[in-house]
Every structure is written in structure tokens, then in C-alpha cells.
């Protein structure tokens, strides 16, 4: 069984960084318009969660290509299925 590539291992970190970046952007917009720290933190936290869930659902919606299907079949045969 082969080890996952570096790209496969860092993909969750990419999703977290994109979500954090958008959350900080939204929090800054709210902070500059209202000047209320609490409201900015709430909007930033909600934005982080919403963006993370949407990105995760988009990643799940992508169909695997031929190489990924072959890898999944090899993993299934290796686990005794």
C-alpha cells in the first residue's frame, strides 16, 4: 500500500486556511462597519463554519477519475473485501 502524497496530506489544511482567510475578511468588514468586536467575532466564526462546510461538500461532489477509482479498488482488495 502506498503512502499518501504530500498534496493529499495537505488538502485539509488548504480547506482550513481558505475558510480562515474568508472568515477574517468578513470579520474585518463587520468590524470596520460596526466597530463592535463581539459582533465581528460572531460573524467571523459563523463565516468560518459555513465556508468550511460548503468547501467540504464541494470536495465530496467531485467524481473520482480513473486513477482514483483504481486506487480505491486496490484498497478494497487489500482490506479483504
PDB file of N, CA and C in Angstrom:
ATOM      1  N   UNK A   1       0.842  -1.172   0.000  1.00  0.00           N
ATOM      2  CA  UNK A   1       0.000   0.000   0.000  1.00  0.00           C
ATOM      3  C   UNK A   1       0.886   1.233   0.000  1.00  0.00           C
ATOM      4  N   UNK A   2       0.585   2.166  -0.874  1.00  0.00           N
ATOM      5  CA  UNK A   2       1.438   3.338  -0.992  1.00  0.00           C
ATOM      6  C   UNK A   2       1.021   4.423  -0.001  1.00  0.00           C
ATOM      7  N   UNK A   3       1.991   5.238   0.335  1.00  0.00           N
ATOM      8  CA  UNK A   3       1.743   6.365   1.243  1.00  0.00           C
ATOM      9  C   UNK A   3       1.009   7.466   0.496  1.00  0.00           C
ATOM     10  N   UNK A   4       0.152   8.229   1.186  1.00  0.00           N
ATOM     11  CA  UNK A   4      -0.497   9.354   0.506  1.00  0.00           C
ATOM     12  C   UNK A   4       0.535  10.419   0.126  1.00  0.00           C
ATOM     13  N   UNK A   5       0.264  11.089  -0.976  1.00  0.00           N
ATOM     14  CA  UNK A   5       1.183  12.124  -1.436  1.00  0.00           C
ATOM     15  C   UNK A   5       1.094  13.339  -0.519  1.00  0.00           C
ATOM     16  N   UNK A   6       2.057  14.221  -0.700  1.00  0.00           N
ATOM     17  CA  UNK A   6       2.062  15.444   0.126  1.00  0.00           C
ATOM     18  C   UNK A   6       0.811  16.272  -0.137  1.00  0.00           C
ATOM     19  N   UNK A   7       0.387  16.317  -1.392  1.00  0.00           N
ATOM     20  CA  UNK A   7      -0.828  17.067  -1.736  1.00  0.00           C
ATOM     21  C   UNK A   7      -2.050  16.482  -1.028  1.00  0.00           C
ATOM     22  N   UNK A   8      -2.149  15.166  -0.972  1.00  0.00           N
ATOM     23  CA  UNK A   8      -3.274  14.535  -0.276  1.00  0.00           C
ATOM     24  C   UNK A   8      -3.253  14.834   1.215  1.00  0.00           C
ATOM     25  N   UNK A   9      -2.059  14.894   1.799  1.00  0.00           N
ATOM     26  CA  UNK A   9      -1.958  15.162   3.232  1.00  0.00           C
ATOM     27  C   UNK A   9      -2.248  16.614   3.575  1.00  0.00           C
ATOM     28  N   UNK A  10      -1.951  17.544   2.654  1.00  0.00           N
ATOM     29  CA  UNK A  10      -2.150  18.962   2.954  1.00  0.00           C
ATOM     30  C   UNK A  10      -3.500  19.496   2.499  1.00  0.00           C
ATOM     31  N   UNK A  11      -4.301  18.704   1.833  1.00  0.00           N
ATOM     32  CA  UNK A  11      -5.595  19.181   1.354  1.00  0.00           C
ATOM     33  C   UNK A  11      -6.500  19.675   2.491  1.00  0.00           C
ATOM     34  N   UNK A  12      -6.614  18.972   3.632  1.00  0.00           N
ATOM     35  CA  UNK A  12      -7.431  19.518   4.722  1.00  0.00           C
ATOM     36  C   UNK A  12      -6.912  20.856   5.238  1.00  0.00           C
ATOM     37  N   UNK A  13      -5.600  21.030   5.268  1.00  0.00           N
ATOM     38  CA  UNK A  13      -5.031  22.306   5.719  1.00  0.00           C
ATOM     39  C   UNK A  13      -5.383  23.422   4.744  1.00  0.00           C
ATOM     40  N   UNK A  14      -5.431  23.105   3.454  1.00  0.00           N
ATOM     41  CA  UNK A  14      -5.819  24.105   2.463  1.00  0.00           C
ATOM     42  C   UNK A  14      -7.249  24.576   2.709  1.00  0.00           C
ATOM     43  N   UNK A  15      -8.135  23.635   2.973  1.00  0.00           N
ATOM     44  CA  UNK A  15      -9.531  23.999   3.223  1.00  0.00           C
ATOM     45  C   UNK A  15      -9.656  24.859   4.483  1.00  0.00           C
ATOM     46  N   UNK A  16      -8.900  24.510   5.509  1.00  0.00           N
ATOM     47  CA  UNK A  16      -8.943  25.301   6.741  1.00  0.00           C
ATOM     48  C   UNK A  16      -8.388  26.701   6.536  1.00  0.00           C
ATOM     49  N   UNK A  17      -7.305  26.818   5.761  1.00  0.00           N
ATOM     50  CA  UNK A  17      -6.716  28.135   5.517  1.00  0.00           C
ATOM     51  C   UNK A  17      -7.621  29.020   4.665  1.00  0.00           C
ATOM     52  N   UNK A  18      -8.270  28.446   3.666  1.00  0.00           N
ATOM     53  CA  UNK A  18      -9.210  29.223   2.853  1.00  0.00           C
ATOM     54  C   UNK A  18     -10.374  29.689   3.717  1.00  0.00           C
ATOM     55  N   UNK A  19     -10.896  28.802   4.547  1.00  0.00           N
ATOM     56  CA  UNK A  19     -12.005  29.164   5.429  1.00  0.00           C
ATOM     57  C   UNK A  19     -11.590  30.242   6.422  1.00  0.00           C
ATOM     58  N   UNK A  20     -10.407  30.102   6.982  1.00  0.00           N
ATOM     59  CA  UNK A  20      -9.925  31.102   7.942  1.00  0.00           C
ATOM     60  C   UNK A  20      -9.718  32.448   7.267  1.00  0.00           C
ATOM     61  N   UNK A  21      -9.171  32.438   6.058  1.00  0.00           N
ATOM     62  CA  UNK A  21      -8.956  33.689   5.339  1.00  0.00           C
ATOM     63  C   UNK A  21     -10.255  34.426   5.055  1.00  0.00           C
ATOM     64  N   UNK A  22     -11.254  33.701   4.601  1.00  0.00           N
ATOM     65  CA  UNK A  22     -12.544  34.332   4.344  1.00  0.00           C
ATOM     66  C   UNK A  22     -13.218  34.786   5.632  1.00  0.00           C
ATOM     67  N   UNK A  23     -13.063  34.019   6.693  1.00  0.00           N
ATOM     68  CA  UNK A  23     -13.645  34.413   7.978  1.00  0.00           C
ATOM     69  C   UNK A  23     -13.004  35.688   8.508  1.00  0.00           C
ATOM     70  N   UNK A  24     -11.684  35.799   8.381  1.00  0.00           N
ATOM     71  CA  UNK A  24     -11.001  37.016   8.822  1.00  0.00           C
ATOM     72  C   UNK A  24     -11.445  38.204   7.982  1.00  0.00           C
ATOM     73  N   UNK A  25     -11.579  38.002   6.672  1.00  0.00           N
ATOM     74  CA  UNK A  25     -12.038  39.071   5.792  1.00  0.00           C
ATOM     75  C   UNK A  25     -13.430  39.558   6.206  1.00  0.00           C
ATOM     76  N   UNK A  26     -14.336  38.640   6.437  1.00  0.00           N
ATOM     77  CA  UNK A  26     -15.697  39.016   6.832  1.00  0.00           C
ATOM     78  C   UNK A  26     -15.696  39.682   8.199  1.00  0.00           C
ATOM     79  N   UNK A  27     -14.895  39.163   9.130  1.00  0.00           N
ATOM     80  CA  UNK A  27     -14.822  39.772  10.457  1.00  0.00           C
ATOM     81  C   UNK A  27     -14.283  41.203  10.371  1.00  0.00           C
ATOM     82  N   UNK A  28     -13.296  41.430   9.512  1.00  0.00           N
ATOM     83  CA  UNK A  28     -12.762  42.784   9.349  1.00  0.00           C
ATOM     84  C   UNK A  28     -13.793  43.732   8.742  1.00  0.00           C
ATOM     85  N   UNK A  29     -14.553  43.252   7.783  1.00  0.00           N
ATOM     86  CA  UNK A  29     -15.600  44.078   7.181  1.00  0.00           C
ATOM     87  C   UNK A  29     -16.638  44.463   8.235  1.00  0.00           C
ATOM     88  N   UNK A  30     -17.067  43.483   9.039  1.00  0.00           N
ATOM     89  CA  UNK A  30     -18.056  43.760  10.080  1.00  0.00           C
ATOM     90  C   UNK A  30     -17.462  44.696  11.126  1.00  0.00           C
ATOM     91  N   UNK A  31     -16.210  44.477  11.498  1.00  0.00           N
ATOM     92  CA  UNK A  31     -15.565  45.336  12.497  1.00  0.00           C
ATOM     93  C   UNK A  31     -15.440  46.779  12.003  1.00  0.00           C
ATOM     94  N   UNK A  32     -15.075  46.951  10.743  1.00  0.00           N
ATOM     95  CA  UNK A  32     -14.927  48.307  10.217  1.00  0.00           C
ATOM     96  C   UNK A  32     -16.273  49.017  10.067  1.00  0.00           C
ATOM     97  N   UNK A  33     -17.328  48.258   9.829  1.00  0.00           N
ATOM     98  CA  UNK A  33     -18.617  48.912   9.632  1.00  0.00           C
ATOM     99  C   UNK A  33     -19.370  49.140  10.938  1.00  0.00           C
ATOM    100  N   UNK A  34     -19.183  48.271  11.939  1.00  0.00           N
ATOM    101  CA  UNK A  34     -19.939  48.422  13.192  1.00  0.00           C
ATOM    102  C   UNK A  34     -19.081  48.835  14.374  1.00  0.00           C
ATOM    103  N   UNK A  35     -17.781  48.564  14.321  1.00  0.00           N
ATOM    104  CA  UNK A  35     -16.838  48.823  15.422  1.00  0.00           C
ATOM    105  C   UNK A  35     -17.221  48.081  16.711  1.00  0.00           C
ATOM    106  N   UNK A  36     -17.809  46.919  16.536  1.00  0.00           N
ATOM    107  CA  UNK A  36     -18.156  46.062  17.673  1.00  0.00           C
ATOM    108  C   UNK A  36     -17.375  44.754  17.536  1.00  0.00           C
ATOM    109  N   UNK A  37     -16.442  44.534  18.475  1.00  0.00           N
ATOM    110  CA  UNK A  37     -15.601  43.345  18.434  1.00  0.00           C
ATOM    111  C   UNK A  37     -16.402  42.063  18.548  1.00  0.00           C
ATOM    112  N   UNK A  38     -17.383  42.059  19.429  1.00  0.00           N
ATOM    113  CA  UNK A  38     -18.165  40.841  19.654  1.00  0.00           C
ATOM    114  C   UNK A  38     -18.903  40.425  18.390  1.00  0.00           C
ATOM    115  N   UNK A  39     -19.518  41.387  17.732  1.00  0.00           N
ATOM    116  CA  UNK A  39     -20.258  41.091  16.515  1.00  0.00           C
ATOM    117  C   UNK A  39     -19.321  40.615  15.404  1.00  0.00           C
ATOM    118  N   UNK A  40     -18.148  41.215  15.328  1.00  0.00           N
ATOM    119  CA  UNK A  40     -17.169  40.800  14.325  1.00  0.00           C
ATOM    120  C   UNK A  40     -16.705  39.368  14.578  1.00  0.00           C
ATOM    121  N   UNK A  41     -16.481  39.004  15.835  1.00  0.00           N
ATOM    122  CA  UNK A  41     -16.067  37.626  16.152  1.00  0.00           C
ATOM    123  C   UNK A  41     -17.170  36.626  15.849  1.00  0.00           C
ATOM    124  N   UNK A  42     -18.405  36.993  16.135  1.00  0.00           N
ATOM    125  CA  UNK A  42     -19.531  36.097  15.847  1.00  0.00           C
ATOM    126  C   UNK A  42     -19.654  35.874  14.342  1.00  0.00           C
ATOM    127  N   UNK A  43     -19.622  36.962  13.573  1.00  0.00           N
ATOM    128  CA  UNK A  43     -19.729  36.833  12.121  1.00  0.00           C
ATOM    129  C   UNK A  43     -18.541  36.064  11.553  1.00  0.00           C
ATOM    130  N   UNK A  44     -17.354  36.303  12.083  1.00  0.00           N
ATOM    131  CA  UNK A  44     -16.178  35.564  11.624  1.00  0.00           C
ATOM    132  C   UNK A  44     -16.283  34.070  11.903  1.00  0.00           C
ATOM    133  N   UNK A  45     -16.754  33.723  13.097  1.00  0.00           N
ATOM    134  CA  UNK A  45     -16.914  32.308  13.441  1.00  0.00           C
ATOM    135  C   UNK A  45     -17.963  31.621  12.591  1.00  0.00           C
ATOM    136  N   UNK A  46     -19.078  32.293  12.382  1.00  0.00           N
ATOM    137  CA  UNK A  46     -20.134  31.716  11.541  1.00  0.00           C
ATOM    138  C   UNK A  46     -19.641  31.574  10.106  1.00  0.00           C
ATOM    139  N   UNK A  47     -18.935  32.583   9.611  1.00  0.00           N
ATOM    140  CA  UNK A  47     -18.404  32.518   8.245  1.00  0.00           C
ATOM    141  C   UNK A  47     -17.404  31.373   8.104  1.00  0.00           C
ATOM    142  N   UNK A  48     -16.554  31.176   9.108  1.00  0.00           N
ATOM    143  CA  UNK A  48     -15.578  30.078   9.064  1.00  0.00           C
ATOM    144  C   UNK A  48     -16.283  28.734   8.927  1.00  0.00           C
ATOM    145  N   UNK A  49     -17.292  28.510   9.737  1.00  0.00           N
ATOM    146  CA  UNK A  49     -18.001  27.234   9.715  1.00  0.00           C
ATOM    147  C   UNK A  49     -18.748  27.043   8.400  1.00  0.00           C
ATOM    148  N   UNK A  50     -19.439  28.088   7.939  1.00  0.00           N
ATOM    149  CA  UNK A  50     -20.215  27.971   6.704  1.00  0.00           C
ATOM    150  C   UNK A  50     -19.302  27.717   5.509  1.00  0.00           C
ATOM    151  N   UNK A  51     -18.214  28.458   5.402  1.00  0.00           N
ATOM    152  CA  UNK A  51     -17.294  28.272   4.273  1.00  0.00           C
ATOM    153  C   UNK A  51     -16.658  26.896   4.334  1.00  0.00           C
ATOM    154  N   UNK A  52     -16.294  26.439   5.510  1.00  0.00           N
ATOM    155  CA  UNK A  52     -15.683  25.115   5.650  1.00  0.00           C
ATOM    156  C   UNK A  52     -16.649  24.016   5.220  1.00  0.00           C
ATOM    157  N   UNK A  53     -17.896  24.105   5.628  1.00  0.00           N
ATOM    158  CA  UNK A  53     -18.894  23.095   5.253  1.00  0.00           C
ATOM    159  C   UNK A  53     -19.151  23.125   3.747  1.00  0.00           C
ATOM    160  N   UNK A  54     -19.274  24.321   3.178  1.00  0.00           N
ATOM    161  CA  UNK A  54     -19.525  24.421   1.735  1.00  0.00           C
ATOM    162  C   UNK A  54     -18.351  23.863   0.937  1.00  0.00           C
ATOM    163  N   UNK A  55     -17.133  24.191   1.321  1.00  0.00           N
ATOM    164  CA  UNK A  55     -15.966  23.660   0.615  1.00  0.00           C
ATOM    165  C   UNK A  55     -15.871  22.141   0.749  1.00  0.00           C
ATOM    166  N   UNK A  56     -16.166  21.614   1.925  1.00  0.00           N
ATOM    167  CA  UNK A  56     -16.125  20.168   2.117  1.00  0.00           C
ATOM    168  C   UNK A  56     -17.174  19.470   1.261  1.00  0.00           C
ATOM    169  N   UNK A  57     -18.350  20.065   1.151  1.00  0.00           N
ATOM    170  CA  UNK A  57     -19.388  19.469   0.317  1.00  0.00           C
ATOM    171  C   UNK A  57     -19.003  19.531  -1.163  1.00  0.00           C
ATOM    172  N   UNK A  58     -18.355  20.603  -1.588  1.00  0.00           N
ATOM    173  CA  UNK A  58     -17.895  20.686  -2.968  1.00  0.00           C
ATOM    174  C   UNK A  58     -16.813  19.649  -3.260  1.00  0.00           C
ATOM    175  N   UNK A  59     -15.924  19.418  -2.321  1.00  0.00           N
ATOM    176  CA  UNK A  59     -14.886  18.407  -2.496  1.00  0.00           C
ATOM    177  C   UNK A  59     -15.515  17.016  -2.592  1.00  0.00           C
ATOM    178  N   UNK A  60     -16.536  16.759  -1.796  1.00  0.00           N
ATOM    179  CA  UNK A  60     -17.205  15.460  -1.855  1.00  0.00           C
ATOM    180  C   UNK A  60     -17.979  15.268  -3.152  1.00  0.00           C
ATOM    181  N   UNK A  61     -18.397  16.345  -3.788  1.00  0.00           N
ATOM    182  CA  UNK A  61     -19.188  16.253  -5.012  1.00  0.00           C
ATOM    183  C   UNK A  61     -18.347  15.924  -6.237  1.00  0.00           C
ATOM    184  N   UNK A  62     -17.026  16.061  -6.135  1.00  0.00           N
ATOM    185  CA  UNK A  62     -16.153  15.781  -7.270  1.00  0.00           C
ATOM    186  C   UNK A  62     -16.077  14.274  -7.477  1.00  0.00           C
ATOM    187  N   UNK A  63     -16.311  13.855  -8.702  1.00  0.00           N
ATOM    188  CA  UNK A  63     -16.239  12.422  -9.015  1.00  0.00           C
ATOM    189  C   UNK A  63     -14.783  12.004  -9.163  1.00  0.00           C
ATOM    190  N   UNK A  64     -14.445  10.812  -8.674  1.00  0.00           N
ATOM    191  CA  UNK A  64     -13.056  10.355  -8.800  1.00  0.00           C
ATOM    192  C   UNK A  64     -12.723  10.023 -10.259  1.00  0.00           C
ATOM    193  N   UNK A  65     -11.478  10.296 -10.667  1.00  0.00           N
ATOM    194  CA  UNK A  65     -11.049   9.956 -12.019  1.00  0.00           C
ATOM    195  C   UNK A  65     -10.589   8.499 -12.063  1.00  0.00           C
ATOM    196  N   UNK A  66     -10.063   8.078 -13.192  1.00  0.00           N
ATOM    197  CA  UNK A  66      -9.676   6.680 -13.370  1.00  0.00           C
ATOM    198  C   UNK A  66      -8.620   6.211 -12.382  1.00  0.00           C
ATOM    199  N   UNK A  67      -7.600   7.052 -12.130  1.00  0.00           N
ATOM    200  CA  UNK A  67      -6.530   6.665 -11.208  1.00  0.00           C
ATOM    201  C   UNK A  67      -7.060   6.519  -9.790  1.00  0.00           C
ATOM    202  N   UNK A  68      -7.967   7.398  -9.391  1.00  0.00           N
ATOM    203  CA  UNK A  68      -8.535   7.302  -8.048  1.00  0.00           C
ATOM    204  C   UNK A  68      -9.420   6.064  -7.907  1.00  0.00           C
ATOM    205  N   UNK A  69     -10.179   5.745  -8.947  1.00  0.00           N
ATOM    206  CA  UNK A  69     -11.020   4.537  -8.908  1.00  0.00           C
ATOM    207  C   UNK A  69     -10.154   3.289  -8.787  1.00  0.00           C
ATOM    208  N   UNK A  70      -9.046   3.262  -9.534  1.00  0.00           N
ATOM    209  CA  UNK A  70      -8.129   2.129  -9.458  1.00  0.00           C
ATOM    210  C   UNK A  70      -7.535   2.013  -8.064  1.00  0.00           C
ATOM    211  N   UNK A  71      -7.152   3.140  -7.470  1.00  0.00           N
ATOM    212  CA  UNK A  71      -6.601   3.145  -6.118  1.00  0.00           C
ATOM    213  C   UNK A  71      -7.634   2.655  -5.102  1.00  0.00           C
ATOM    214  N   UNK A  72      -8.882   3.100  -5.253  1.00  0.00           N
ATOM    215  CA  UNK A  72      -9.937   2.642  -4.345  1.00  0.00           C
ATOM    216  C   UNK A  72     -10.171   1.142  -4.477  1.00  0.00           C
ATOM    217  N   UNK A  73     -10.148   0.629  -5.714  1.00  0.00           N
ATOM    218  CA  UNK A  73     -10.318  -0.808  -5.906  1.00  0.00           C
ATOM    219  C   UNK A  73      -9.186  -1.601  -5.270  1.00  0.00           C
ATOM    220  N   UNK A  74      -7.941  -1.100  -5.407  1.00  0.00           N
ATOM    221  CA  UNK A  74      -6.794  -1.776  -4.794  1.00  0.00           C
ATOM    222  C   UNK A  74      -6.912  -1.769  -3.267  1.00  0.00           C
ATOM    223  N   UNK A  75      -7.374  -0.665  -2.701  1.00  0.00           N
ATOM    224  CA  UNK A  75      -7.548  -0.602  -1.258  1.00  0.00           C
ATOM    225  C   UNK A  75      -8.621  -1.558  -0.797  1.00  0.00           C
ATOM    226  N   UNK A  76      -9.710  -1.683  -1.564  1.00  0.00           N
ATOM    227  CA  UNK A  76     -10.777  -2.606  -1.198  1.00  0.00           C
ATOM    228  C   UNK A  76     -10.275  -4.053  -1.241  1.00  0.00           C
ATOM    229  N   UNK A  77      -9.493  -4.399  -2.267  1.00  0.00           N
ATOM    230  CA  UNK A  77      -8.973  -5.768  -2.352  1.00  0.00           C
ATOM    231  C   UNK A  77      -7.973  -6.045  -1.244  1.00  0.00           C
ATOM    232  N   UNK A  78      -7.208  -5.038  -0.845  1.00  0.00           N
ATOM    233  CA  UNK A  78      -6.214  -5.210   0.206  1.00  0.00           C
ATOM    234  C   UNK A  78      -6.822  -5.397   1.589  1.00  0.00           C
ATOM    235  N   UNK A  79      -8.038  -4.867   1.807  1.00  0.00           N
ATOM    236  CA  UNK A  79      -8.653  -4.986   3.124  1.00  0.00           C
ATOM    237  C   UNK A  79      -9.523  -6.233   3.248  1.00  0.00           C
ATOM    238  N   UNK A  80      -9.580  -7.044   2.186  1.00  0.00           N
ATOM    239  CA  UNK A  80     -10.313  -8.307   2.284  1.00  0.00           C
ATOM    240  C   UNK A  80     -11.746  -8.240   1.810  1.00  0.00           C
ATOM    241  N   UNK A  81     -12.122  -7.190   1.102  1.00  0.00           N
ATOM    242  CA  UNK A  81     -13.490  -7.093   0.574  1.00  0.00           C
ATOM    243  C   UNK A  81     -13.595  -7.730  -0.758  1.00  0.00           C
TER     244      UNK A  81
END
